[in-house]
Amino acid sequence: MSNVNSVTLIGNLVEDPELRFTPSGVAMTKVRFAVNKRYQSQGEWQEETSFFGGTCWRDMGENVAESLTKGARVVVVGELQQRSWETQDGDKRSIVEVDIKEIGPSLRWATATVTKTPRADGGWSGESQSQGQGQGQGQPAAPVARTDYGPDEAPF
């Protein structure tokens, strides 16, 4: 089993996504969302809310910052990561966050319009720019099987 630390969460953004850039220029977007659990106990409805934070990197981070806003219902897929640190007072702290691999609007009670963004290299990710050269008669290279499909790309 290759990925045993995988979680899918459905909730609502509690604030607008926060887009920042690392010193080397890599985009990262922080998101915070609430997941509500509603259940019946002894004939009465109960509700519990858990709050989670997560990070989206690079193009996905920029897309999230441009597309989602506070209150949006989202489906988040990622890996849980725990960070620990010590405060200036010597207190130990830790937090569990989501390293977000996929995120998108929930379509259970809403609609969305999807606009595909062009890739920076003008082609499929992972495909060499030099492919197809030197094959004679100016024929483009045959397609290469991929496994890194984006969220709006069908693998068929």
Protein backbone atom coordinates (compact mmCIF):
# COMPACT_ATOMS: atom_id res chain seq x y z
CA MET A 1 0.00 0.00 0.00
CA SER A 2 1.74 3.14 -1.17
CA ASN A 3 -0.24 5.91 0.52
CA VAL A 4 -1.62 4.93 3.90
CA ASN A 5 -1.79 8.53 5.17
CA SER A 6 -4.60 9.86 3.04
CA VAL A 7 -7.61 11.84 4.18
CA THR A 8 -10.67 13.27 2.42
CA LEU A 9 -12.47 16.10 4.19
CA ILE A 10 -15.57 18.06 3.17
CA GLY A 11 -16.19 21.39 4.80
CA ASN A 12 -16.55 25.14 4.39
CA LEU A 13 -13.76 27.70 4.11
CA VAL A 14 -13.74 29.88 7.24
CA GLU A 15 -11.72 32.64 5.54
CA ASP A 16 -10.50 33.58 2.09
CA PRO A 17 -7.47 31.54 0.96
CA GLU A 18 -4.20 33.36 1.72
CA LEU A 19 -1.72 33.39 -1.19
CA ARG A 20 1.95 33.95 -0.36
CA PHE A 21 5.26 33.29 -2.08
CA THR A 22 8.38 31.68 -0.64
CA PRO A 23 11.66 33.64 -0.92
CA SER A 24 12.45 31.59 -4.05
CA GLY A 25 9.13 32.59 -5.65
CA VAL A 26 7.09 29.40 -5.14
CA ALA A 27 3.38 30.07 -4.62
CA MET A 28 1.74 28.66 -1.50
CA THR A 29 -1.82 29.17 -0.34
CA LYS A 30 -3.02 28.58 3.19
CA VAL A 31 -6.63 27.50 3.61
CA ARG A 32 -8.68 27.03 6.78
CA PHE A 33 -11.92 25.11 6.74
CA ALA A 34 -14.53 23.76 9.14
CA VAL A 35 -15.93 20.24 9.00
CA ASN A 36 -19.32 19.77 10.65
CA LYS A 37 -20.58 16.48 12.02
CA ARG A 38 -24.30 16.27 12.74
CA TYR A 39 -25.77 13.26 14.51
CA GLN A 40 -28.70 12.23 16.66
CA SER A 41 -28.10 11.30 20.30
CA GLN A 42 -30.96 10.26 22.57
CA GLY A 43 -33.47 11.71 20.11
CA GLU A 44 -31.82 15.15 19.90
CA TRP A 45 -29.66 16.50 17.12
CA GLN A 46 -26.07 17.24 18.09
CA GLU A 47 -23.44 19.08 16.06
CA GLU A 48 -19.67 19.10 16.36
CA THR A 49 -17.31 21.28 14.35
CA SER A 50 -13.62 20.55 13.71
CA PHE A 51 -11.29 23.14 12.19
CA PHE A 52 -8.44 22.23 9.84
CA GLY A 53 -5.74 24.13 8.05
CA GLY A 54 -3.83 23.13 4.97
CA THR A 55 -1.45 24.30 2.30
CA CYS A 56 -1.68 24.19 -1.50
CA TRP A 57 1.53 24.66 -3.47
CA ARG A 58 2.54 26.13 -6.84
CA ASP A 59 -0.11 26.39 -9.60
CA MET A 60 -2.77 24.73 -7.45
CA GLY A 61 -2.16 27.34 -4.75
CA GLU A 62 -2.61 30.18 -7.22
CA ASN A 63 -5.76 28.54 -8.66
CA VAL A 64 -7.25 28.09 -5.19
CA ALA A 65 -6.59 31.72 -4.26
CA GLU A 66 -8.23 32.88 -7.48
CA SER A 67 -11.20 30.48 -7.40
CA LEU A 68 -12.36 29.93 -3.81
CA THR A 69 -13.66 32.33 -1.18
CA LYS A 70 -14.80 32.30 2.44
CA GLY A 71 -17.89 30.14 2.90
CA ALA A 72 -17.27 27.94 -0.14
CA ARG A 73 -17.97 24.26 0.44
CA VAL A 74 -14.87 22.30 -0.57
CA VAL A 75 -13.68 18.73 -0.96
CA VAL A 76 -10.09 18.37 0.24
CA VAL A 77 -7.84 15.35 -0.34
CA GLY A 78 -4.41 15.25 1.22
CA GLU A 79 -2.04 13.85 3.79
CA LEU A 80 -2.00 14.67 7.48
CA GLN A 81 1.24 16.17 8.76
CA GLN A 82 2.15 17.03 12.32
CA ARG A 83 4.45 19.95 13.14
CA SER A 84 5.96 20.54 16.56
CA TRP A 85 7.78 23.57 17.95
CA GLU A 86 8.71 25.26 21.18
CA THR A 87 7.48 28.75 22.10
CA GLN A 88 9.78 31.49 23.43
CA ASP A 89 8.48 30.61 26.91
CA GLY A 90 9.61 27.00 26.49
CA ASP A 91 6.12 25.55 26.01
CA LYS A 92 5.89 22.70 23.52
CA ARG A 93 3.23 23.00 20.82
CA SER A 94 2.11 20.84 17.94
CA ILE A 95 -0.48 21.04 15.20
CA VAL A 96 -1.85 18.63 12.62
CA GLU A 97 -2.31 20.15 9.15
CA VAL A 98 -3.34 18.84 5.75
CA ASP A 99 -0.77 18.73 2.95
CA ILE A 100 -3.38 19.28 0.24
CA LYS A 101 -3.02 17.19 -2.91
CA GLU A 102 -6.43 18.02 -4.43
CA ILE A 103 -9.08 20.61 -3.59
CA GLY A 104 -12.21 21.75 -5.33
CA PRO A 105 -15.69 23.09 -4.79
CA SER A 106 -18.33 20.66 -3.62
CA LEU A 107 -21.11 20.40 -6.18
CA ARG A 108 -23.68 18.94 -3.81
CA TRP A 109 -25.48 22.27 -3.37
CA ALA A 110 -23.76 24.46 -5.95
CA THR A 111 -22.56 24.62 -9.53
CA ALA A 112 -19.13 25.58 -10.81
CA THR A 113 -17.60 26.64 -14.09
CA VAL A 114 -14.22 25.06 -14.81
CA THR A 115 -11.65 26.92 -16.88
CA LYS A 116 -8.48 25.03 -17.69
CA THR A 117 -5.32 27.05 -17.17
CA PRO A 118 -2.51 26.71 -19.71
CA ARG A 119 0.68 25.02 -18.59
CA ALA A 120 3.80 27.14 -18.32
CA ASP A 121 5.77 24.85 -20.68
CA GLY A 122 2.98 24.74 -23.25
CA GLY A 123 2.64 20.96 -23.09
CA TRP A 124 1.81 18.06 -20.85
CA SER A 125 3.66 18.00 -17.57
CA GLY A 126 6.51 15.54 -17.54
CA GLU A 127 6.77 15.54 -21.33
CA SER A 128 10.17 16.49 -22.69
CA GLN A 129 10.28 19.56 -24.93
CA SER A 130 12.75 17.81 -27.22
CA GLN A 131 10.48 14.83 -27.89
CA GLY A 132 9.57 14.46 -31.49
CA GLN A 133 12.69 16.05 -32.85
CA GLY A 134 14.84 13.98 -35.15
CA GLN A 135 12.14 11.43 -35.91
CA GLY A 136 12.05 12.32 -39.59
CA GLN A 137 9.26 13.71 -41.81
CA GLY A 138 8.46 16.29 -39.12
CA GLN A 139 6.11 13.90 -37.36
CA PRO A 140 5.32 14.79 -33.76
CA ALA A 141 6.22 12.29 -31.08
CA ALA A 142 3.69 9.63 -30.22
CA PRO A 143 1.76 10.31 -27.02
CA VAL A 144 3.39 9.09 -23.85
CA ALA A 145 1.29 7.32 -21.23
CA ARG A 146 0.86 9.56 -18.20
CA THR A 147 -0.19 9.05 -14.61
CA ASP A 148 -0.03 12.67 -13.41
CA TYR A 149 -3.40 13.90 -14.64
CA GLY A 150 -4.60 17.23 -13.29
CA PRO A 151 -7.94 17.66 -11.53
CA ASP A 152 -9.66 18.73 -14.73
CA GLU A 153 -8.01 16.21 -17.06
CA ALA A 154 -9.65 12.89 -17.80
CA PRO A 155 -7.27 9.92 -17.94
CA PHE A 156 -9.17 8.38 -20.85
